[in-house]
């Protein structure tokens, strides 16, 4: 479905969204929900990347000896 949503998003300047959704058999509400959720997905991805970096820094600083409990406590 994501590919269809991306296609609609790319072609919305050339065709009405209503027509694109009808031709591709996609509910307009689903497309709009996907579009609004994109910012939240990007924010979550950035937060996950920052956390992964922090975990890596703690692991390397411990000379790769800390496991989950100590890294969790260090966060």
N, C-alpha and C. Protein backbone atom coordinates (compact mmCIF):
# COMPACT_ATOMS: atom_id res chain seq x y z
N UNK A 1 0.81 -1.19 0.00
CA UNK A 1 0.00 0.00 0.00
C UNK A 1 0.86 1.26 0.00
N UNK A 2 2.00 1.21 0.65
CA UNK A 2 2.83 2.39 0.74
C UNK A 2 3.23 2.90 -0.64
N UNK A 3 3.48 1.98 -1.56
CA UNK A 3 3.85 2.39 -2.91
C UNK A 3 2.70 3.15 -3.57
N UNK A 4 1.48 2.71 -3.34
CA UNK A 4 0.32 3.41 -3.90
C UNK A 4 0.20 4.81 -3.30
N UNK A 5 0.39 4.91 -2.00
CA UNK A 5 0.32 6.22 -1.35
C UNK A 5 1.40 7.15 -1.89
N UNK A 6 2.59 6.62 -2.08
CA UNK A 6 3.68 7.44 -2.63
C UNK A 6 3.37 7.89 -4.05
N UNK A 7 2.77 7.00 -4.84
CA UNK A 7 2.38 7.35 -6.20
C UNK A 7 1.34 8.47 -6.18
N UNK A 8 0.35 8.35 -5.34
CA UNK A 8 -0.67 9.39 -5.22
C UNK A 8 -0.02 10.71 -4.81
N UNK A 9 0.88 10.65 -3.86
CA UNK A 9 1.55 11.86 -3.38
C UNK A 9 2.37 12.52 -4.50
N UNK A 10 3.03 11.69 -5.31
CA UNK A 10 3.85 12.22 -6.40
C UNK A 10 3.01 12.81 -7.52
N UNK A 11 1.84 12.26 -7.77
CA UNK A 11 1.01 12.68 -8.90
C UNK A 11 -0.09 13.67 -8.52
N UNK A 12 -0.17 14.06 -7.27
CA UNK A 12 -1.27 14.93 -6.85
C UNK A 12 -1.23 16.30 -7.50
N UNK A 13 -0.06 16.72 -8.00
CA UNK A 13 0.02 18.00 -8.70
C UNK A 13 -0.57 17.90 -10.10
N UNK A 14 -0.59 16.69 -10.67
CA UNK A 14 -1.07 16.50 -12.04
C UNK A 14 -2.53 16.07 -12.11
N UNK A 15 -3.00 15.37 -11.08
CA UNK A 15 -4.36 14.82 -11.08
C UNK A 15 -5.01 15.07 -9.72
N UNK A 16 -6.32 15.14 -9.68
CA UNK A 16 -7.00 15.29 -8.39
C UNK A 16 -6.82 14.03 -7.53
N UNK A 17 -6.69 14.23 -6.25
CA UNK A 17 -6.50 13.11 -5.33
C UNK A 17 -7.70 12.17 -5.38
N UNK A 18 -8.88 12.73 -5.54
CA UNK A 18 -10.10 11.91 -5.62
C UNK A 18 -10.00 10.93 -6.78
N UNK A 19 -9.55 11.41 -7.93
CA UNK A 19 -9.44 10.56 -9.12
C UNK A 19 -8.36 9.50 -8.92
N UNK A 20 -7.21 9.90 -8.40
CA UNK A 20 -6.13 8.94 -8.17
C UNK A 20 -6.56 7.83 -7.22
N UNK A 21 -7.23 8.20 -6.15
CA UNK A 21 -7.68 7.20 -5.18
C UNK A 21 -8.70 6.26 -5.80
N UNK A 22 -9.60 6.80 -6.60
CA UNK A 22 -10.62 5.97 -7.23
C UNK A 22 -9.99 4.98 -8.21
N UNK A 23 -9.06 5.46 -9.05
CA UNK A 23 -8.42 4.61 -10.05
C UNK A 23 -7.57 3.53 -9.39
N UNK A 24 -6.87 3.89 -8.33
CA UNK A 24 -6.00 2.94 -7.64
C UNK A 24 -6.72 2.12 -6.57
N UNK A 25 -8.00 2.39 -6.41
CA UNK A 25 -8.84 1.69 -5.43
C UNK A 25 -8.28 1.81 -4.01
N UNK A 26 -8.00 3.05 -3.65
CA UNK A 26 -7.49 3.37 -2.32
C UNK A 26 -8.47 4.33 -1.66
N UNK A 27 -8.80 4.08 -0.42
CA UNK A 27 -9.69 4.99 0.30
C UNK A 27 -8.96 6.32 0.55
N UNK A 28 -9.63 7.42 0.26
CA UNK A 28 -9.02 8.73 0.48
C UNK A 28 -8.62 8.92 1.93
N UNK A 29 -9.44 8.45 2.83
CA UNK A 29 -9.13 8.61 4.25
C UNK A 29 -7.84 7.87 4.62
N UNK A 30 -7.60 6.74 3.98
CA UNK A 30 -6.37 5.99 4.24
C UNK A 30 -5.15 6.75 3.73
N UNK A 31 -5.30 7.35 2.55
CA UNK A 31 -4.20 8.15 2.00
C UNK A 31 -3.89 9.33 2.92
N UNK A 32 -4.93 10.04 3.35
CA UNK A 32 -4.72 11.20 4.22
C UNK A 32 -4.12 10.78 5.57
N UNK A 33 -4.53 9.64 6.08
CA UNK A 33 -3.97 9.14 7.34
C UNK A 33 -2.49 8.82 7.17
N UNK A 34 -2.14 8.21 6.03
CA UNK A 34 -0.74 7.92 5.74
C UNK A 34 0.06 9.21 5.65
N UNK A 35 -0.48 10.19 4.95
CA UNK A 35 0.22 11.46 4.75
C UNK A 35 0.46 12.17 6.08
N UNK A 36 -0.53 12.19 6.95
CA UNK A 36 -0.39 12.86 8.24
C UNK A 36 0.57 12.11 9.16
N UNK A 37 0.67 10.81 9.00
CA UNK A 37 1.54 10.01 9.86
C UNK A 37 3.00 10.06 9.46
N UNK A 38 3.31 10.60 8.30
CA UNK A 38 4.68 10.64 7.81
C UNK A 38 5.59 11.43 8.75
N UNK A 39 5.15 12.56 9.24
CA UNK A 39 5.97 13.37 10.15
C UNK A 39 6.26 12.61 11.44
N UNK A 40 5.26 11.91 11.94
CA UNK A 40 5.44 11.13 13.17
C UNK A 40 6.43 9.99 12.95
N UNK A 41 6.36 9.35 11.78
CA UNK A 41 7.30 8.27 11.47
C UNK A 41 8.73 8.79 11.38
N UNK A 42 8.91 9.95 10.78
CA UNK A 42 10.25 10.53 10.68
C UNK A 42 10.80 10.92 12.05
N UNK A 43 9.95 11.46 12.90
CA UNK A 43 10.39 11.82 14.25
C UNK A 43 10.78 10.58 15.04
N UNK A 44 9.99 9.52 14.90
CA UNK A 44 10.29 8.27 15.61
C UNK A 44 11.61 7.68 15.11
N UNK A 45 11.83 7.72 13.80
CA UNK A 45 13.06 7.21 13.22
C UNK A 45 14.26 7.99 13.75
N UNK A 46 14.15 9.30 13.85
CA UNK A 46 15.24 10.13 14.36
C UNK A 46 15.52 9.81 15.83
N UNK A 47 14.47 9.63 16.61
CA UNK A 47 14.63 9.29 18.03
C UNK A 47 15.29 7.92 18.19
N UNK A 48 14.88 6.96 17.36
CA UNK A 48 15.48 5.62 17.42
C UNK A 48 16.96 5.67 17.05
N UNK A 49 17.30 6.46 16.04
CA UNK A 49 18.71 6.59 15.64
C UNK A 49 19.54 7.23 16.74
N UNK A 50 19.00 8.23 17.40
CA UNK A 50 19.72 8.89 18.49
C UNK A 50 19.94 7.93 19.66
N UNK A 51 18.93 7.13 19.98
CA UNK A 51 19.05 6.16 21.06
C UNK A 51 20.08 5.08 20.70
N UNK A 52 20.06 4.61 19.47
CA UNK A 52 21.03 3.60 19.04
C UNK A 52 22.45 4.15 19.14
N UNK A 53 22.63 5.40 18.79
CA UNK A 53 23.96 6.02 18.89
C UNK A 53 24.41 6.10 20.35
N UNK A 54 23.51 6.50 21.23
CA UNK A 54 23.84 6.60 22.65
C UNK A 54 24.19 5.23 23.24
N UNK A 55 23.46 4.20 22.84
CA UNK A 55 23.76 2.84 23.31
C UNK A 55 25.13 2.40 22.83
N UNK A 56 25.44 2.70 21.57
CA UNK A 56 26.74 2.33 21.01
C UNK A 56 27.87 3.04 21.75
N UNK A 57 27.69 4.31 22.05
CA UNK A 57 28.71 5.07 22.78
C UNK A 57 28.94 4.46 24.16
N UNK A 58 27.87 4.13 24.87
CA UNK A 58 28.01 3.51 26.20
C UNK A 58 28.70 2.15 26.11
N UNK A 59 28.36 1.39 25.10
CA UNK A 59 28.95 0.05 24.94
C UNK A 59 30.45 0.16 24.66
N UNK A 60 30.82 1.07 23.78
CA UNK A 60 32.24 1.24 23.46
C UNK A 60 33.00 1.82 24.65
N UNK A 61 32.39 2.75 25.38
CA UNK A 61 33.05 3.35 26.55
C UNK A 61 33.30 2.30 27.63
N UNK A 62 32.49 1.28 27.69
CA UNK A 62 32.68 0.22 28.69
C UNK A 62 33.64 -0.86 28.19
N UNK A 63 34.32 -0.56 27.10
CA UNK A 63 35.22 -1.53 26.45
C UNK A 63 34.47 -2.80 26.06
N UNK A 64 33.21 -2.58 25.66
CA UNK A 64 32.33 -3.64 25.17
C UNK A 64 32.05 -4.73 26.21
N UNK A 65 32.06 -4.33 27.49
CA UNK A 65 31.80 -5.30 28.55
C UNK A 65 30.41 -5.16 29.15
N UNK A 66 29.79 -3.98 29.02
CA UNK A 66 28.46 -3.78 29.59
C UNK A 66 27.42 -4.51 28.76
N UNK A 67 26.51 -5.15 29.47
CA UNK A 67 25.38 -5.80 28.82
C UNK A 67 24.13 -4.94 28.96
N UNK A 68 23.00 -5.56 28.74
CA UNK A 68 21.73 -4.84 28.76
C UNK A 68 21.45 -4.15 30.09
N UNK A 69 21.62 -4.83 31.25
CA UNK A 69 21.27 -4.16 32.51
C UNK A 69 22.08 -2.90 32.77
N UNK A 70 23.39 -2.95 32.55
CA UNK A 70 24.23 -1.78 32.82
C UNK A 70 24.00 -0.67 31.80
N UNK A 71 23.82 -1.03 30.55
CA UNK A 71 23.54 -0.01 29.54
C UNK A 71 22.20 0.65 29.82
N UNK A 72 21.22 -0.15 30.20
CA UNK A 72 19.90 0.40 30.53
C UNK A 72 20.00 1.36 31.71
N UNK A 73 20.79 0.99 32.71
CA UNK A 73 20.98 1.86 33.88
C UNK A 73 21.73 3.13 33.49
N UNK A 74 22.61 3.02 32.52
CA UNK A 74 23.39 4.18 32.09
C UNK A 74 22.62 5.16 31.24
N UNK A 75 21.51 4.73 30.72
CA UNK A 75 20.70 5.63 29.90
C UNK A 75 19.91 6.53 30.80
